Amino acid sequence: MKSIEDTKLSDEELVKKIVEKNDTHLFAILYDRYAGVVYNKCYGFSRRKEEAQDLTHDVFIRLFVKLRTFKGKSKFSTWLYSFTYNFCVNYVQRNSAKKKERMTIVTDQIKEEDSGLDEIDDATLFELKSDKLAKALELIPPSEKMLLLMKYQDEMSIKEISELLELGESAVKMRLKRAKAKVVKTYNEM
């Protein structure tokens, strides 16, 4: 049973107790705290309410199983954010294999396609029509879409993205630059 004291625990203390006791009642507290945030992230990848609800449910089932892998090196909310993004990226990649005739995803290596698109500034990205931009985002690799969503939808800084993805800041900047160039190129080809 959930107690008043349990609801006042920090995320990290709560996770520790859940792992120690394998307690689904305590896990419900964690679910209540983060279901909305996880749903919003899932909705960003799915664009359908029912699919986002299913993804949210799946994230929390997987989370319960994987909770013991949380080591406390970052805040739990940061770890959950990364966990959710990775889950959604994997989901999109699995589904895209099924929808190959509609979408091609390049996962091997990012090709240098910087011809004429070297400096895509944020203003250019924001000028794109939102419905066409949404379609263009669906056509770029999920990992690049994820970076763009982190930066522009979730308003994360380069430093925050760097810490979350465990990459250097210069690597994040380069990947963002390539992702912006790719989405603008895809948009212009539509």
C-alpha atoms as a PDB file:
ATOM      1  CA  MET A   1       0.000   0.000   0.000  1.00  0.00           C
ATOM      2  CA  LYS A   2       1.044   3.578  -0.701  1.00  0.00           C
ATOM      3  CA  SER A   3       1.669   5.589   2.428  1.00  0.00           C
ATOM      4  CA  ILE A   4       1.854   9.348   2.875  1.00  0.00           C
ATOM      5  CA  GLU A   5       5.555   8.999   3.754  1.00  0.00           C
ATOM      6  CA  ASP A   6       6.222   7.112   0.522  1.00  0.00           C
ATOM      7  CA  THR A   7       4.658   9.862  -1.586  1.00  0.00           C
ATOM      8  CA  LYS A   8       7.063  12.362  -0.010  1.00  0.00           C
ATOM      9  CA  LEU A   9      10.194  10.382  -0.935  1.00  0.00           C
ATOM     10  CA  SER A  10      12.560  11.808  -3.526  1.00  0.00           C
ATOM     11  CA  ASP A  11      12.581  10.018  -6.885  1.00  0.00           C
ATOM     12  CA  GLU A  12      15.911   8.417  -6.093  1.00  0.00           C
ATOM     13  CA  GLU A  13      14.766   7.168  -2.656  1.00  0.00           C
ATOM     14  CA  LEU A  14      11.567   5.863  -4.183  1.00  0.00           C
ATOM     15  CA  VAL A  15      13.448   3.983  -6.917  1.00  0.00           C
ATOM     16  CA  LYS A  16      15.731   2.426  -4.307  1.00  0.00           C
ATOM     17  CA  LYS A  17      12.713   1.189  -2.291  1.00  0.00           C
ATOM     18  CA  ILE A  18      10.945  -0.111  -5.412  1.00  0.00           C
ATOM     19  CA  VAL A  19      14.026  -2.090  -6.444  1.00  0.00           C
ATOM     20  CA  GLU A  20      14.605  -3.440  -2.922  1.00  0.00           C
ATOM     21  CA  LYS A  21      11.009  -4.562  -2.425  1.00  0.00           C
ATOM     22  CA  ASN A  22       9.919  -5.095  -6.062  1.00  0.00           C
ATOM     23  CA  ASP A  23       6.847  -3.125  -4.973  1.00  0.00           C
ATOM     24  CA  THR A  24       4.212  -2.276  -7.595  1.00  0.00           C
ATOM     25  CA  HIS A  25       2.344  -0.003  -5.166  1.00  0.00           C
ATOM     26  CA  LEU A  26       5.433   2.168  -4.784  1.00  0.00           C
ATOM     27  CA  PHE A  27       5.934   2.046  -8.546  1.00  0.00           C
ATOM     28  CA  ALA A  28       2.441   3.544  -8.909  1.00  0.00           C
ATOM     29  CA  ILE A  29       3.733   6.676  -7.126  1.00  0.00           C
ATOM     30  CA  LEU A  30       6.515   6.971  -9.692  1.00  0.00           C
ATOM     31  CA  TYR A  31       3.993   6.405 -12.467  1.00  0.00           C
ATOM     32  CA  ASP A  32       1.745   9.165 -11.113  1.00  0.00           C
ATOM     33  CA  ARG A  33       4.696  11.580 -11.027  1.00  0.00           C
ATOM     34  CA  TYR A  34       5.853  10.955 -14.573  1.00  0.00           C
ATOM     35  CA  ALA A  35       3.005   9.549 -16.696  1.00  0.00           C
ATOM     36  CA  GLY A  36       2.192  12.959 -18.196  1.00  0.00           C
ATOM     37  CA  VAL A  37       5.792  13.741 -19.124  1.00  0.00           C
ATOM     38  CA  VAL A  38       6.336  10.289 -20.638  1.00  0.00           C
ATOM     39  CA  TYR A  39       3.057  10.531 -22.564  1.00  0.00           C
ATOM     40  CA  ASN A  40       4.093  13.890 -24.054  1.00  0.00           C
ATOM     41  CA  LYS A  41       7.417  12.461 -25.223  1.00  0.00           C
ATOM     42  CA  CYS A  42       5.679   9.429 -26.715  1.00  0.00           C
ATOM     43  CA  TYR A  43       3.134  11.635 -28.437  1.00  0.00           C
ATOM     44  CA  GLY A  44       5.973  13.569 -30.069  1.00  0.00           C
ATOM     45  CA  PHE A  45       7.022  10.341 -31.756  1.00  0.00           C
ATOM     46  CA  SER A  46       3.624   8.885 -32.572  1.00  0.00           C
ATOM     47  CA  ARG A  47       1.251  11.783 -33.347  1.00  0.00           C
ATOM     48  CA  ARG A  48      -1.743   9.595 -32.503  1.00  0.00           C
ATOM     49  CA  LYS A  49      -3.302   9.723 -29.048  1.00  0.00           C
ATOM     50  CA  GLU A  50      -3.980   5.980 -28.791  1.00  0.00           C
ATOM     51  CA  GLU A  51      -0.509   5.040 -29.991  1.00  0.00           C
ATOM     52  CA  ALA A  52       1.061   7.486 -27.508  1.00  0.00           C
ATOM     53  CA  GLN A  53      -0.992   5.932 -24.690  1.00  0.00           C
ATOM     54  CA  ASP A  54       0.165   2.450 -25.735  1.00  0.00           C
ATOM     55  CA  LEU A  55       3.779   3.615 -25.915  1.00  0.00           C
ATOM     56  CA  THR A  56       3.501   5.227 -22.470  1.00  0.00           C
ATOM     57  CA  HIS A  57       2.155   1.984 -21.050  1.00  0.00           C
ATOM     58  CA  ASP A  58       4.981   0.029 -22.717  1.00  0.00           C
ATOM     59  CA  VAL A  59       7.613   2.475 -21.409  1.00  0.00           C
ATOM     60  CA  PHE A  60       6.414   1.980 -17.829  1.00  0.00           C
ATOM     61  CA  ILE A  61       6.300  -1.809 -18.155  1.00  0.00           C
ATOM     62  CA  ARG A  62       9.857  -1.824 -19.474  1.00  0.00           C
ATOM     63  CA  LEU A  63      10.840   0.736 -16.832  1.00  0.00           C
ATOM     64  CA  PHE A  64       9.649  -1.506 -13.999  1.00  0.00           C
ATOM     65  CA  VAL A  65      11.833  -4.307 -15.340  1.00  0.00           C
ATOM     66  CA  LYS A  66      14.859  -2.066 -15.967  1.00  0.00           C
ATOM     67  CA  LEU A  67      14.590   0.142 -12.876  1.00  0.00           C
ATOM     68  CA  ARG A  68      17.440  -1.668 -11.145  1.00  0.00           C
ATOM     69  CA  THR A  69      19.796  -0.414 -13.901  1.00  0.00           C
ATOM     70  CA  PHE A  70      19.350   3.159 -12.600  1.00  0.00           C
ATOM     71  CA  LYS A  71      22.635   3.886 -10.828  1.00  0.00           C
ATOM     72  CA  GLY A  72      21.919   7.400  -9.607  1.00  0.00           C
ATOM     73  CA  LYS A  73      24.691   9.030 -11.659  1.00  0.00           C
ATOM     74  CA  SER A  74      22.135  11.597 -12.830  1.00  0.00           C
ATOM     75  CA  LYS A  75      18.751  12.703 -11.546  1.00  0.00           C
ATOM     76  CA  PHE A  76      16.064  10.081 -12.033  1.00  0.00           C
ATOM     77  CA  SER A  77      14.018  12.458 -14.207  1.00  0.00           C
ATOM     78  CA  THR A  78      16.999  12.852 -16.574  1.00  0.00           C
ATOM     79  CA  TRP A  79      17.506   9.092 -16.718  1.00  0.00           C
ATOM     80  CA  LEU A  80      13.785   8.523 -17.366  1.00  0.00           C
ATOM     81  CA  TYR A  81      13.831  11.159 -20.118  1.00  0.00           C
ATOM     82  CA  SER A  82      16.693   9.344 -21.841  1.00  0.00           C
ATOM     83  CA  PHE A  83      15.046   5.947 -21.263  1.00  0.00           C
ATOM     84  CA  THR A  84      11.802   7.198 -22.853  1.00  0.00           C
ATOM     85  CA  TYR A  85      13.560   8.742 -25.847  1.00  0.00           C
ATOM     86  CA  ASN A  86      15.564   5.590 -26.497  1.00  0.00           C
ATOM     87  CA  PHE A  87      12.428   3.470 -26.221  1.00  0.00           C
ATOM     88  CA  CYS A  88      10.590   5.708 -28.698  1.00  0.00           C
ATOM     89  CA  VAL A  89      13.505   5.832 -31.144  1.00  0.00           C
ATOM     90  CA  ASN A  90      13.695   2.024 -31.080  1.00  0.00           C
ATOM     91  CA  TYR A  91       9.926   1.833 -31.578  1.00  0.00           C
ATOM     92  CA  VAL A  92      10.072   4.141 -34.597  1.00  0.00           C
ATOM     93  CA  GLN A  93      12.973   2.183 -36.074  1.00  0.00           C
ATOM     94  CA  ARG A  94      11.125  -1.127 -35.633  1.00  0.00           C
ATOM     95  CA  ASN A  95       7.983   0.290 -37.213  1.00  0.00           C
ATOM     96  CA  SER A  96       9.875   1.917 -40.035  1.00  0.00           C
ATOM     97  CA  ALA A  97      11.236  -1.460 -41.086  1.00  0.00           C
ATOM     98  CA  LYS A  98       7.611  -2.505 -41.529  1.00  0.00           C
ATOM     99  CA  LYS A  99       6.840   0.656 -43.500  1.00  0.00           C
ATOM    100  CA  LYS A 100       9.958   0.556 -45.673  1.00  0.00           C
ATOM    101  CA  GLU A 101       8.106   1.384 -48.872  1.00  0.00           C
ATOM    102  CA  ARG A 102       7.091   4.753 -47.411  1.00  0.00           C
ATOM    103  CA  MET A 103      10.195   5.712 -45.516  1.00  0.00           C
ATOM    104  CA  THR A 104      13.923   5.087 -45.756  1.00  0.00           C
ATOM    105  CA  ILE A 105      16.001   5.332 -42.622  1.00  0.00           C
ATOM    106  CA  VAL A 106      19.755   5.626 -42.819  1.00  0.00           C
ATOM    107  CA  THR A 107      21.262   4.091 -39.718  1.00  0.00           C
ATOM    108  CA  ASP A 108      24.711   2.984 -40.869  1.00  0.00           C
ATOM    109  CA  GLN A 109      26.574   6.208 -41.260  1.00  0.00           C
ATOM    110  CA  ILE A 110      25.624   9.842 -41.613  1.00  0.00           C
ATOM    111  CA  LYS A 111      26.753  10.873 -45.064  1.00  0.00           C
ATOM    112  CA  GLU A 112      28.309  14.244 -45.565  1.00  0.00           C
ATOM    113  CA  GLU A 113      25.487  16.064 -47.302  1.00  0.00           C
ATOM    114  CA  ASP A 114      26.474  19.557 -46.365  1.00  0.00           C
ATOM    115  CA  SER A 115      26.478  20.938 -49.931  1.00  0.00           C
ATOM    116  CA  GLY A 116      24.981  24.392 -49.647  1.00  0.00           C
ATOM    117  CA  LEU A 117      23.340  23.605 -46.321  1.00  0.00           C
ATOM    118  CA  ASP A 118      26.287  24.265 -44.038  1.00  0.00           C
ATOM    119  CA  GLU A 119      24.767  26.999 -41.963  1.00  0.00           C
ATOM    120  CA  ILE A 120      21.090  26.335 -41.345  1.00  0.00           C
ATOM    121  CA  ASP A 121      20.134  28.815 -38.680  1.00  0.00           C
ATOM    122  CA  ASP A 122      17.256  28.386 -36.282  1.00  0.00           C
ATOM    123  CA  ALA A 123      15.202  31.088 -38.022  1.00  0.00           C
ATOM    124  CA  THR A 124      15.211  29.036 -41.258  1.00  0.00           C
ATOM    125  CA  LEU A 125      13.994  26.002 -39.336  1.00  0.00           C
ATOM    126  CA  PHE A 126      11.174  27.973 -37.700  1.00  0.00           C
ATOM    127  CA  GLU A 127       9.985  29.429 -41.023  1.00  0.00           C
ATOM    128  CA  LEU A 128       9.042  26.002 -42.364  1.00  0.00           C
ATOM    129  CA  LYS A 129       5.311  25.278 -42.445  1.00  0.00           C
ATOM    130  CA  SER A 130       4.481  23.099 -39.461  1.00  0.00           C
ATOM    131  CA  ASP A 131       2.449  20.422 -41.264  1.00  0.00           C
ATOM    132  CA  LYS A 132       5.090  19.972 -43.948  1.00  0.00           C
ATOM    133  CA  LEU A 133       7.811  20.139 -41.284  1.00  0.00           C
ATOM    134  CA  ALA A 134       6.102  17.334 -39.340  1.00  0.00           C
ATOM    135  CA  LYS A 135       6.181  15.185 -42.501  1.00  0.00           C
ATOM    136  CA  ALA A 136       9.840  16.037 -43.083  1.00  0.00           C
ATOM    137  CA  LEU A 137      10.666  15.077 -39.480  1.00  0.00           C
ATOM    138  CA  GLU A 138       9.060  11.672 -40.063  1.00  0.00           C
ATOM    139  CA  LEU A 139      11.381  11.097 -43.026  1.00  0.00           C
ATOM    140  CA  ILE A 140      14.685  11.731 -41.275  1.00  0.00           C
ATOM    141  CA  PRO A 141      16.340   9.126 -39.038  1.00  0.00           C
ATOM    142  CA  PRO A 142      14.723   8.872 -35.574  1.00  0.00           C
ATOM    143  CA  SER A 143      17.991   9.676 -33.815  1.00  0.00           C
ATOM    144  CA  GLU A 144      18.198  12.997 -35.692  1.00  0.00           C
ATOM    145  CA  LYS A 145      14.512  13.711 -35.053  1.00  0.00           C
ATOM    146  CA  MET A 146      15.173  13.042 -31.364  1.00  0.00           C
ATOM    147  CA  LEU A 147      17.979  15.619 -31.281  1.00  0.00           C
ATOM    148  CA  LEU A 148      15.819  18.255 -32.954  1.00  0.00           C
ATOM    149  CA  LEU A 149      12.925  17.561 -30.567  1.00  0.00           C
ATOM    150  CA  MET A 150      15.239  17.806 -27.561  1.00  0.00           C
ATOM    151  CA  LYS A 151      16.632  21.143 -28.742  1.00  0.00           C
ATOM    152  CA  TYR A 152      13.522  22.857 -30.090  1.00  0.00           C
ATOM    153  CA  GLN A 153      10.499  21.162 -28.530  1.00  0.00           C
ATOM    154  CA  ASP A 154      11.951  20.465 -25.109  1.00  0.00           C
ATOM    155  CA  GLU A 155      14.223  23.537 -25.206  1.00  0.00           C
ATOM    156  CA  MET A 156      17.222  21.651 -23.861  1.00  0.00           C
ATOM    157  CA  SER A 157      20.635  23.298 -23.971  1.00  0.00           C
ATOM    158  CA  ILE A 158      23.604  21.771 -25.810  1.00  0.00           C
ATOM    159  CA  LYS A 159      25.099  20.994 -22.394  1.00  0.00           C
ATOM    160  CA  GLU A 160      21.929  19.186 -21.231  1.00  0.00           C
ATOM    161  CA  ILE A 161      21.733  17.150 -24.443  1.00  0.00           C
ATOM    162  CA  SER A 162      25.428  16.375 -24.145  1.00  0.00           C
ATOM    163  CA  GLU A 163      24.998  15.044 -20.596  1.00  0.00           C
ATOM    164  CA  LEU A 164      21.854  13.108 -21.422  1.00  0.00           C
ATOM    165  CA  LEU A 165      23.344  11.374 -24.473  1.00  0.00           C
ATOM    166  CA  GLU A 166      26.819  11.105 -22.944  1.00  0.00           C
ATOM    167  CA  LEU A 167      28.424  12.863 -25.913  1.00  0.00           C
ATOM    168  CA  GLY A 168      30.779  15.795 -26.132  1.00  0.00           C
ATOM    169  CA  GLU A 169      29.215  19.194 -26.729  1.00  0.00           C
ATOM    170  CA  SER A 170      30.978  19.554 -30.092  1.00  0.00           C
ATOM    171  CA  ALA A 171      29.540  16.178 -31.188  1.00  0.00           C
ATOM    172  CA  VAL A 172      26.047  17.338 -30.205  1.00  0.00           C
ATOM    173  CA  LYS A 173      26.514  20.589 -32.142  1.00  0.00           C
ATOM    174  CA  MET A 174      27.692  18.703 -35.242  1.00  0.00           C
ATOM    175  CA  ARG A 175      24.801  16.226 -35.044  1.00  0.00           C
ATOM    176  CA  LEU A 176      22.318  19.067 -34.612  1.00  0.00           C
ATOM    177  CA  LYS A 177      23.825  20.858 -37.600  1.00  0.00           C
ATOM    178  CA  ARG A 178      23.494  17.716 -39.742  1.00  0.00           C
ATOM    179  CA  ALA A 179      19.961  17.032 -38.497  1.00  0.00           C
ATOM    180  CA  LYS A 180      18.864  20.602 -39.291  1.00  0.00           C
ATOM    181  CA  ALA A 181      20.441  20.373 -42.746  1.00  0.00           C
ATOM    182  CA  LYS A 182      18.758  17.023 -43.386  1.00  0.00           C
ATOM    183  CA  VAL A 183      15.299  18.180 -42.295  1.00  0.00           C
ATOM    184  CA  VAL A 184      15.552  21.353 -44.409  1.00  0.00           C
ATOM    185  CA  LYS A 185      16.760  19.361 -47.433  1.00  0.00           C
ATOM    186  CA  THR A 186      13.932  16.816 -46.967  1.00  0.00           C
ATOM    187  CA  TYR A 187      11.433  19.640 -46.520  1.00  0.00           C
ATOM    188  CA  ASN A 188      12.605  21.382 -49.720  1.00  0.00           C
ATOM    189  CA  GLU A 189      12.364  18.135 -51.707  1.00  0.00           C
ATOM    190  CA  MET A 190       8.723  17.635 -50.731  1.00  0.00           C
END
